[in-house]
Every structure is written in C-alpha cells, then in structure tokens.
Amino acid sequence: MSQHNQPPSGALHRLARRVADIVAECHYAQRRMAALHLSPDSYLMASNGAPDTYAEFLFRTSGPLLHEPTARLRSTGRHPVS
C-alpha cells in the first residue's frame, strides 16, 4: 500500500486538537456565563460597590464560585476545563 493513500496523521491531529480546544473554550464560557447570571450580586442595584455589612458580603458570595486555574494552566494561557 502506498503512502499517498493514507491521510496525513499530523494534519488530522492538529485539526482534532483545534476542535477540542474550541469545544473546551465554549464549555468554559458557558459555565462562566451561568455563574455570572446566577450570582446574587447581579441582582443588586449597586453591585459595583463594596458590601455595607458582613451579612451583605456573605449574601454576595453565597453563589457558585469558580476555582482559580492551576499555575500550570495559567502559564500556558489555557482555560480550565473542569
């Protein structure tokens, strides 16, 4: 069998990696948008200001929190997938 009949595996691997990166970025963006939309802070009138009381601080931070990416992911510039 000649080598011309086989697809170039390097190009397919790069294409698959790009598709996987796009899907991972869309997944991260969807999770981030859901967290921002569901956060209690987005329903307050003056959400840009600091909380006035400790109870208000606890209320604002009661929503789902996203974990900070690891140092390895930050150094490569990639978003977390989890």
PDB file of N, CA and C in Angstrom:
ATOM      1  N   MET A   1       0.849  -1.171   0.000  1.00  0.00           N
ATOM      2  CA  MET A   1       0.000   0.000   0.000  1.00  0.00           C
ATOM      3  C   MET A   1       0.896   1.237   0.000  1.00  0.00           C
ATOM      4  N   SER A   2       0.621   2.155  -0.854  1.00  0.00           N
ATOM      5  CA  SER A   2       1.474   3.341  -0.943  1.00  0.00           C
ATOM      6  C   SER A   2       1.130   4.337   0.152  1.00  0.00           C
ATOM      7  N   GLN A   3       2.068   5.198   0.387  1.00  0.00           N
ATOM      8  CA  GLN A   3       1.892   6.179   1.465  1.00  0.00           C
ATOM      9  C   GLN A   3       0.914   7.281   1.068  1.00  0.00           C
ATOM     10  N   HIS A   4       0.646   7.457  -0.214  1.00  0.00           N
ATOM     11  CA  HIS A   4      -0.247   8.521  -0.677  1.00  0.00           C
ATOM     12  C   HIS A   4      -1.710   8.241  -0.362  1.00  0.00           C
ATOM     13  N   ASN A   5      -2.077   6.993  -0.109  1.00  0.00           N
ATOM     14  CA  ASN A   5      -3.465   6.641   0.187  1.00  0.00           C
ATOM     15  C   ASN A   5      -3.832   6.892   1.639  1.00  0.00           C
ATOM     16  N   GLN A   6      -2.859   7.084   2.496  1.00  0.00           N
ATOM     17  CA  GLN A   6      -3.123   7.293   3.910  1.00  0.00           C
ATOM     18  C   GLN A   6      -3.233   8.787   4.199  1.00  0.00           C
ATOM     19  N   PRO A   7      -4.210   9.188   5.022  1.00  0.00           N
ATOM     20  CA  PRO A   7      -4.332  10.610   5.359  1.00  0.00           C
ATOM     21  C   PRO A   7      -3.168  11.044   6.244  1.00  0.00           C
ATOM     22  N   PRO A   8      -2.738  12.274   6.114  1.00  0.00           N
ATOM     23  CA  PRO A   8      -1.637  12.762   6.963  1.00  0.00           C
ATOM     24  C   PRO A   8      -2.089  12.850   8.416  1.00  0.00           C
ATOM     25  N   SER A   9      -1.467  12.057   9.255  1.00  0.00           N
ATOM     26  CA  SER A   9      -1.899  11.991  10.652  1.00  0.00           C
ATOM     27  C   SER A   9      -1.588  13.279  11.398  1.00  0.00           C
ATOM     28  N   GLY A  10      -0.541  13.980  11.020  1.00  0.00           N
ATOM     29  CA  GLY A  10      -0.197  15.236  11.694  1.00  0.00           C
ATOM     30  C   GLY A  10      -1.274  16.295  11.497  1.00  0.00           C
ATOM     31  N   ALA A  11      -1.771  16.408  10.277  1.00  0.00           N
ATOM     32  CA  ALA A  11      -2.811  17.400   9.990  1.00  0.00           C
ATOM     33  C   ALA A  11      -4.112  17.036  10.699  1.00  0.00           C
ATOM     34  N   LEU A  12      -4.444  15.750  10.720  1.00  0.00           N
ATOM     35  CA  LEU A  12      -5.664  15.321  11.413  1.00  0.00           C
ATOM     36  C   LEU A  12      -5.551  15.555  12.918  1.00  0.00           C
ATOM     37  N   HIS A  13      -4.371  15.316  13.449  1.00  0.00           N
ATOM     38  CA  HIS A  13      -4.155  15.535  14.879  1.00  0.00           C
ATOM     39  C   HIS A  13      -4.289  17.020  15.220  1.00  0.00           C
ATOM     40  N   ARG A  14      -3.732  17.883  14.398  1.00  0.00           N
ATOM     41  CA  ARG A  14      -3.856  19.339  14.643  1.00  0.00           C
ATOM     42  C   ARG A  14      -5.302  19.795  14.543  1.00  0.00           C
ATOM     43  N   LEU A  15      -6.024  19.274  13.552  1.00  0.00           N
ATOM     44  CA  LEU A  15      -7.432  19.635  13.395  1.00  0.00           C
ATOM     45  C   LEU A  15      -8.253  19.153  14.586  1.00  0.00           C
ATOM     46  N   ALA A  16      -8.006  17.914  15.021  1.00  0.00           N
ATOM     47  CA  ALA A  16      -8.732  17.385  16.179  1.00  0.00           C
ATOM     48  C   ALA A  16      -8.409  18.203  17.426  1.00  0.00           C
ATOM     49  N   ARG A  17      -7.168  18.607  17.574  1.00  0.00           N
ATOM     50  CA  ARG A  17      -6.775  19.411  18.742  1.00  0.00           C
ATOM     51  C   ARG A  17      -7.457  20.773  18.720  1.00  0.00           C
ATOM     52  N   ARG A  18      -7.540  21.382  17.546  1.00  0.00           N
ATOM     53  CA  ARG A  18      -8.222  22.686  17.435  1.00  0.00           C
ATOM     54  C   ARG A  18      -9.701  22.565  17.782  1.00  0.00           C
ATOM     55  N   VAL A  19     -10.336  21.509  17.270  1.00  0.00           N
ATOM     56  CA  VAL A  19     -11.753  21.291  17.572  1.00  0.00           C
ATOM     57  C   VAL A  19     -11.935  21.070  19.072  1.00  0.00           C
ATOM     58  N   ALA A  20     -11.057  20.280  19.677  1.00  0.00           N
ATOM     59  CA  ALA A  20     -11.147  20.035  21.119  1.00  0.00           C
ATOM     60  C   ALA A  20     -10.928  21.326  21.909  1.00  0.00           C
ATOM     61  N   ASP A  21     -10.005  22.170  21.474  1.00  0.00           N
ATOM     62  CA  ASP A  21      -9.769  23.453  22.151  1.00  0.00           C
ATOM     63  C   ASP A  21     -10.988  24.371  22.046  1.00  0.00           C
ATOM     64  N   ILE A  22     -11.624  24.383  20.888  1.00  0.00           N
ATOM     65  CA  ILE A  22     -12.824  25.220  20.702  1.00  0.00           C
ATOM     66  C   ILE A  22     -13.959  24.726  21.597  1.00  0.00           C
ATOM     67  N   VAL A  23     -14.158  23.416  21.651  1.00  0.00           N
ATOM     68  CA  VAL A  23     -15.216  22.852  22.497  1.00  0.00           C
ATOM     69  C   VAL A  23     -14.930  23.145  23.967  1.00  0.00           C
ATOM     70  N   ALA A  24     -13.668  23.011  24.386  1.00  0.00           N
ATOM     71  CA  ALA A  24     -13.310  23.291  25.782  1.00  0.00           C
ATOM     72  C   ALA A  24     -13.523  24.757  26.115  1.00  0.00           C
ATOM     73  N   GLU A  25     -13.189  25.653  25.200  1.00  0.00           N
ATOM     74  CA  GLU A  25     -13.383  27.081  25.454  1.00  0.00           C
ATOM     75  C   GLU A  25     -14.866  27.431  25.514  1.00  0.00           C
ATOM     76  N   CYS A  26     -15.668  26.825  24.653  1.00  0.00           N
ATOM     77  CA  CYS A  26     -17.119  27.055  24.703  1.00  0.00           C
ATOM     78  C   CYS A  26     -17.713  26.537  26.005  1.00  0.00           C
ATOM     79  N   HIS A  27     -17.234  25.389  26.456  1.00  0.00           N
ATOM     80  CA  HIS A  27     -17.703  24.824  27.724  1.00  0.00           C
ATOM     81  C   HIS A  27     -17.353  25.762  28.882  1.00  0.00           C
ATOM     82  N   TYR A  28     -16.128  26.270  28.891  1.00  0.00           N
ATOM     83  CA  TYR A  28     -15.709  27.206  29.940  1.00  0.00           C
ATOM     84  C   TYR A  28     -16.557  28.484  29.893  1.00  0.00           C
ATOM     85  N   ALA A  29     -16.778  29.018  28.698  1.00  0.00           N
ATOM     86  CA  ALA A  29     -17.567  30.243  28.571  1.00  0.00           C
ATOM     87  C   ALA A  29     -19.006  30.027  29.038  1.00  0.00           C
ATOM     88  N   GLN A  30     -19.566  28.877  28.723  1.00  0.00           N
ATOM     89  CA  GLN A  30     -20.936  28.580  29.155  1.00  0.00           C
ATOM     90  C   GLN A  30     -21.025  28.494  30.675  1.00  0.00           C
ATOM     91  N   ARG A  31     -20.060  27.828  31.300  1.00  0.00           N
ATOM     92  CA  ARG A  31     -20.049  27.726  32.759  1.00  0.00           C
ATOM     93  C   ARG A  31     -19.869  29.097  33.392  1.00  0.00           C
ATOM     94  N   ARG A  32     -19.006  29.919  32.813  1.00  0.00           N
ATOM     95  CA  ARG A  32     -18.742  31.252  33.350  1.00  0.00           C
ATOM     96  C   ARG A  32     -19.990  32.131  33.236  1.00  0.00           C
ATOM     97  N   MET A  33     -20.665  32.081  32.099  1.00  0.00           N
ATOM     98  CA  MET A  33     -21.889  32.867  31.912  1.00  0.00           C
ATOM     99  C   MET A  33     -22.981  32.417  32.883  1.00  0.00           C
ATOM    100  N   ALA A  34     -23.106  31.121  33.101  1.00  0.00           N
ATOM    101  CA  ALA A  34     -24.107  30.622  34.048  1.00  0.00           C
ATOM    102  C   ALA A  34     -23.787  31.102  35.460  1.00  0.00           C
ATOM    103  N   ALA A  35     -22.505  31.066  35.840  1.00  0.00           N
ATOM    104  CA  ALA A  35     -22.117  31.516  37.179  1.00  0.00           C
ATOM    105  C   ALA A  35     -22.378  33.011  37.342  1.00  0.00           C
ATOM    106  N   LEU A  36     -22.080  33.799  36.332  1.00  0.00           N
ATOM    107  CA  LEU A  36     -22.328  35.245  36.413  1.00  0.00           C
ATOM    108  C   LEU A  36     -23.821  35.551  36.433  1.00  0.00           C
ATOM    109  N   HIS A  37     -24.573  34.826  35.649  1.00  0.00           N
ATOM    110  CA  HIS A  37     -26.019  35.069  35.585  1.00  0.00           C
ATOM    111  C   HIS A  37     -26.722  34.677  36.882  1.00  0.00           C
ATOM    112  N   LEU A  38     -26.252  33.614  37.525  1.00  0.00           N
ATOM    113  CA  LEU A  38     -26.902  33.126  38.732  1.00  0.00           C
ATOM    114  C   LEU A  38     -26.357  33.735  40.018  1.00  0.00           C
ATOM    115  N   SER A  39     -25.329  34.557  39.921  1.00  0.00           N
ATOM    116  CA  SER A  39     -24.747  35.124  41.142  1.00  0.00           C
ATOM    117  C   SER A  39     -25.703  36.149  41.759  1.00  0.00           C
ATOM    118  N   PRO A  40     -25.844  36.124  43.075  1.00  0.00           N
ATOM    119  CA  PRO A  40     -26.736  37.079  43.740  1.00  0.00           C
ATOM    120  C   PRO A  40     -26.303  38.521  43.531  1.00  0.00           C
ATOM    121  N   ASP A  41     -25.033  38.741  43.295  1.00  0.00           N
ATOM    122  CA  ASP A  41     -24.510  40.087  43.103  1.00  0.00           C
ATOM    123  C   ASP A  41     -25.103  40.765  41.869  1.00  0.00           C
ATOM    124  N   SER A  42     -25.499  39.998  40.873  1.00  0.00           N
ATOM    125  CA  SER A  42     -26.032  40.590  39.647  1.00  0.00           C
ATOM    126  C   SER A  42     -27.448  41.135  39.827  1.00  0.00           C
ATOM    127  N   TYR A  43     -28.116  40.802  40.932  1.00  0.00           N
ATOM    128  CA  TYR A  43     -29.481  41.270  41.164  1.00  0.00           C
ATOM    129  C   TYR A  43     -29.545  42.493  42.084  1.00  0.00           C
ATOM    130  N   LEU A  44     -28.402  42.984  42.517  1.00  0.00           N
ATOM    131  CA  LEU A  44     -28.378  44.151  43.393  1.00  0.00           C
ATOM    132  C   LEU A  44     -28.326  45.437  42.584  1.00  0.00           C
ATOM    133  N   MET A  45     -28.858  46.520  43.158  1.00  0.00           N
ATOM    134  CA  MET A  45     -28.847  47.811  42.462  1.00  0.00           C
ATOM    135  C   MET A  45     -27.436  48.371  42.336  1.00  0.00           C
ATOM    136  N   ALA A  46     -26.688  48.383  43.418  1.00  0.00           N
ATOM    137  CA  ALA A  46     -25.327  48.925  43.417  1.00  0.00           C
ATOM    138  C   ALA A  46     -24.333  47.781  43.570  1.00  0.00           C
ATOM    139  N   SER A  47     -24.286  46.902  42.566  1.00  0.00           N
ATOM    140  CA  SER A  47     -23.450  45.710  42.690  1.00  0.00           C
ATOM    141  C   SER A  47     -21.966  46.015  42.505  1.00  0.00           C
ATOM    142  N   ASN A  48     -21.625  47.184  41.994  1.00  0.00           N
ATOM    143  CA  ASN A  48     -20.213  47.532  41.812  1.00  0.00           C
ATOM    144  C   ASN A  48     -19.565  48.014  43.102  1.00  0.00           C
ATOM    145  N   GLY A  49     -20.358  48.428  44.064  1.00  0.00           N
ATOM    146  CA  GLY A  49     -19.822  48.935  45.320  1.00  0.00           C
ATOM    147  C   GLY A  49     -19.499  47.825  46.297  1.00  0.00           C
ATOM    148  N   ALA A  50     -18.749  48.182  47.300  1.00  0.00           N
ATOM    149  CA  ALA A  50     -18.407  47.218  48.345  1.00  0.00           C
ATOM    150  C   ALA A  50     -19.638  46.950  49.211  1.00  0.00           C
ATOM    151  N   PRO A  51     -19.756  45.760  49.790  1.00  0.00           N
ATOM    152  CA  PRO A  51     -20.896  45.482  50.671  1.00  0.00           C
ATOM    153  C   PRO A  51     -20.825  46.345  51.931  1.00  0.00           C
ATOM    154  N   ASP A  52     -21.990  46.766  52.407  1.00  0.00           N
ATOM    155  CA  ASP A  52     -22.055  47.628  53.594  1.00  0.00           C
ATOM    156  C   ASP A  52     -21.910  46.842  54.882  1.00  0.00           C
ATOM    157  N   THR A  53     -22.398  45.634  54.901  1.00  0.00           N
ATOM    158  CA  THR A  53     -22.356  44.834  56.124  1.00  0.00           C
ATOM    159  C   THR A  53     -21.754  43.463  55.827  1.00  0.00           C
ATOM    160  N   TYR A  54     -21.415  42.763  56.897  1.00  0.00           N
ATOM    161  CA  TYR A  54     -20.885  41.416  56.749  1.00  0.00           C
ATOM    162  C   TYR A  54     -21.962  40.478  56.205  1.00  0.00           C
ATOM    163  N   ALA A  55     -23.199  40.691  56.595  1.00  0.00           N
ATOM    164  CA  ALA A  55     -24.300  39.867  56.095  1.00  0.00           C
ATOM    165  C   ALA A  55     -24.462  40.044  54.582  1.00  0.00           C
ATOM    166  N   GLU A  56     -24.308  41.277  54.096  1.00  0.00           N
ATOM    167  CA  GLU A  56     -24.392  41.507  52.666  1.00  0.00           C
ATOM    168  C   GLU A  56     -23.216  40.840  51.937  1.00  0.00           C
ATOM    169  N   PHE A  57     -22.041  40.873  52.549  1.00  0.00           N
ATOM    170  CA  PHE A  57     -20.884  40.191  51.972  1.00  0.00           C
ATOM    171  C   PHE A  57     -21.147  38.691  51.855  1.00  0.00           C
ATOM    172  N   LEU A  58     -21.695  38.084  52.902  1.00  0.00           N
ATOM    173  CA  LEU A  58     -21.998  36.658  52.867  1.00  0.00           C
ATOM    174  C   LEU A  58     -23.043  36.341  51.806  1.00  0.00           C
ATOM    175  N   PHE A  59     -24.038  37.231  51.647  1.00  0.00           N
ATOM    176  CA  PHE A  59     -25.061  37.019  50.633  1.00  0.00           C
ATOM    177  C   PHE A  59     -24.455  37.072  49.228  1.00  0.00           C
ATOM    178  N   ARG A  60     -23.579  38.040  49.005  1.00  0.00           N
ATOM    179  CA  ARG A  60     -22.983  38.186  47.670  1.00  0.00           C
ATOM    180  C   ARG A  60     -22.082  37.012  47.311  1.00  0.00           C
ATOM    181  N   THR A  61     -21.431  36.417  48.275  1.00  0.00           N
ATOM    182  CA  THR A  61     -20.521  35.309  47.981  1.00  0.00           C
ATOM    183  C   THR A  61     -21.179  33.945  48.167  1.00  0.00           C
ATOM    184  N   SER A  62     -22.494  33.908  48.288  1.00  0.00           N
ATOM    185  CA  SER A  62     -23.179  32.636  48.524  1.00  0.00           C
ATOM    186  C   SER A  62     -23.389  31.828  47.254  1.00  0.00           C
ATOM    187  N   GLY A  63     -23.176  32.406  46.100  1.00  0.00           N
ATOM    188  CA  GLY A  63     -23.392  31.700  44.844  1.00  0.00           C
ATOM    189  C   GLY A  63     -22.251  30.750  44.515  1.00  0.00           C
ATOM    190  N   PRO A  64     -22.369  30.073  43.389  1.00  0.00           N
ATOM    191  CA  PRO A  64     -21.303  29.150  42.984  1.00  0.00           C
ATOM    192  C   PRO A  64     -20.038  29.913  42.624  1.00  0.00           C
ATOM    193  N   LEU A  65     -18.915  29.428  43.109  1.00  0.00           N
ATOM    194  CA  LEU A  65     -17.643  30.081  42.836  1.00  0.00           C
ATOM    195  C   LEU A  65     -16.825  29.210  41.883  1.00  0.00           C
ATOM    196  N   LEU A  66     -16.174  29.853  40.935  1.00  0.00           N
ATOM    197  CA  LEU A  66     -15.293  29.123  40.033  1.00  0.00           C
ATOM    198  C   LEU A  66     -13.914  29.049  40.654  1.00  0.00           C
ATOM    199  N   HIS A  67     -13.280  27.911  40.499  1.00  0.00           N
ATOM    200  CA  HIS A  67     -11.940  27.735  41.042  1.00  0.00           C
ATOM    201  C   HIS A  67     -10.918  28.411  40.149  1.00  0.00           C
ATOM    202  N   GLU A  68      -9.896  28.947  40.773  1.00  0.00           N
ATOM    203  CA  GLU A  68      -8.814  29.564  40.013  1.00  0.00           C
ATOM    204  C   GLU A  68      -8.024  28.469  39.309  1.00  0.00           C
ATOM    205  N   PRO A  69      -7.594  28.717  38.061  1.00  0.00           N
ATOM    206  CA  PRO A  69      -6.823  27.689  37.368  1.00  0.00           C
ATOM    207  C   PRO A  69      -5.469  27.448  38.035  1.00  0.00           C
ATOM    208  N   THR A  70      -4.934  26.266  37.825  1.00  0.00           N
ATOM    209  CA  THR A  70      -3.639  25.941  38.404  1.00  0.00           C
ATOM    210  C   THR A  70      -2.549  26.780  37.754  1.00  0.00           C
ATOM    211  N   ALA A  71      -1.391  26.824  38.382  1.00  0.00           N
ATOM    212  CA  ALA A  71      -0.268  27.595  37.845  1.00  0.00           C
ATOM    213  C   ALA A  71       0.149  27.062  36.477  1.00  0.00           C
ATOM    214  N   ARG A  72       0.071  25.752  36.294  1.00  0.00           N
ATOM    215  CA  ARG A  72       0.433  25.160  35.002  1.00  0.00           C
ATOM    216  C   ARG A  72      -0.488  25.654  33.897  1.00  0.00           C
ATOM    217  N   LEU A  73      -1.800  25.702  34.164  1.00  0.00           N
ATOM    218  CA  LEU A  73      -2.745  26.195  33.161  1.00  0.00           C
ATOM    219  C   LEU A  73      -2.590  27.692  32.940  1.00  0.00           C
ATOM    220  N   ARG A  74      -2.314  28.447  33.999  1.00  0.00           N
ATOM    221  CA  ARG A  74      -2.120  29.889  33.838  1.00  0.00           C
ATOM    222  C   ARG A  74      -0.887  30.187  33.003  1.00  0.00           C
ATOM    223  N   SER A  75       0.172  29.399  33.174  1.00  0.00           N
ATOM    224  CA  SER A  75       1.405  29.666  32.436  1.00  0.00           C
ATOM    225  C   SER A  75       1.243  29.383  30.941  1.00  0.00           C
ATOM    226  N   THR A  76       0.354  28.457  30.578  1.00  0.00           N
ATOM    227  CA  THR A  76       0.136  28.168  29.173  1.00  0.00           C
ATOM    228  C   THR A  76      -0.961  29.040  28.579  1.00  0.00           C
ATOM    229  N   GLY A  77      -1.682  29.775  29.408  1.00  0.00           N
ATOM    230  CA  GLY A  77      -2.743  30.648  28.903  1.00  0.00           C
ATOM    231  C   GLY A  77      -4.034  29.929  28.595  1.00  0.00           C
ATOM    232  N   ARG A  78      -4.156  28.691  29.025  1.00  0.00           N
ATOM    233  CA  ARG A  78      -5.375  27.915  28.723  1.00  0.00           C
ATOM    234  C   ARG A  78      -6.383  28.065  29.854  1.00  0.00           C
ATOM    235  N   HIS A  79      -7.653  27.939  29.483  1.00  0.00           N
ATOM    236  CA  HIS A  79      -8.722  27.991  30.482  1.00  0.00           C
ATOM    237  C   HIS A  79      -8.893  26.635  31.124  1.00  0.00           C
ATOM    238  N   PRO A  80      -9.378  26.609  32.366  1.00  0.00           N
ATOM    239  CA  PRO A  80      -9.652  25.318  32.986  1.00  0.00           C
ATOM    240  C   PRO A  80     -10.826  24.638  32.305  1.00  0.00           C
ATOM    241  N   VAL A  81     -10.781  23.344  32.277  1.00  0.00           N
ATOM    242  CA  VAL A  81     -11.841  22.571  31.621  1.00  0.00           C
ATOM    243  C   VAL A  81     -12.869  22.117  32.629  1.00  0.00           C
ATOM    244  N   SER A  82     -12.491  21.934  33.868  1.00  0.00           N
ATOM    245  CA  SER A  82     -13.428  21.424  34.869  1.00  0.00           C
ATOM    246  C   SER A  82     -14.420  22.459  35.293  1.00  0.00           C
TER     247      SER A  82
END
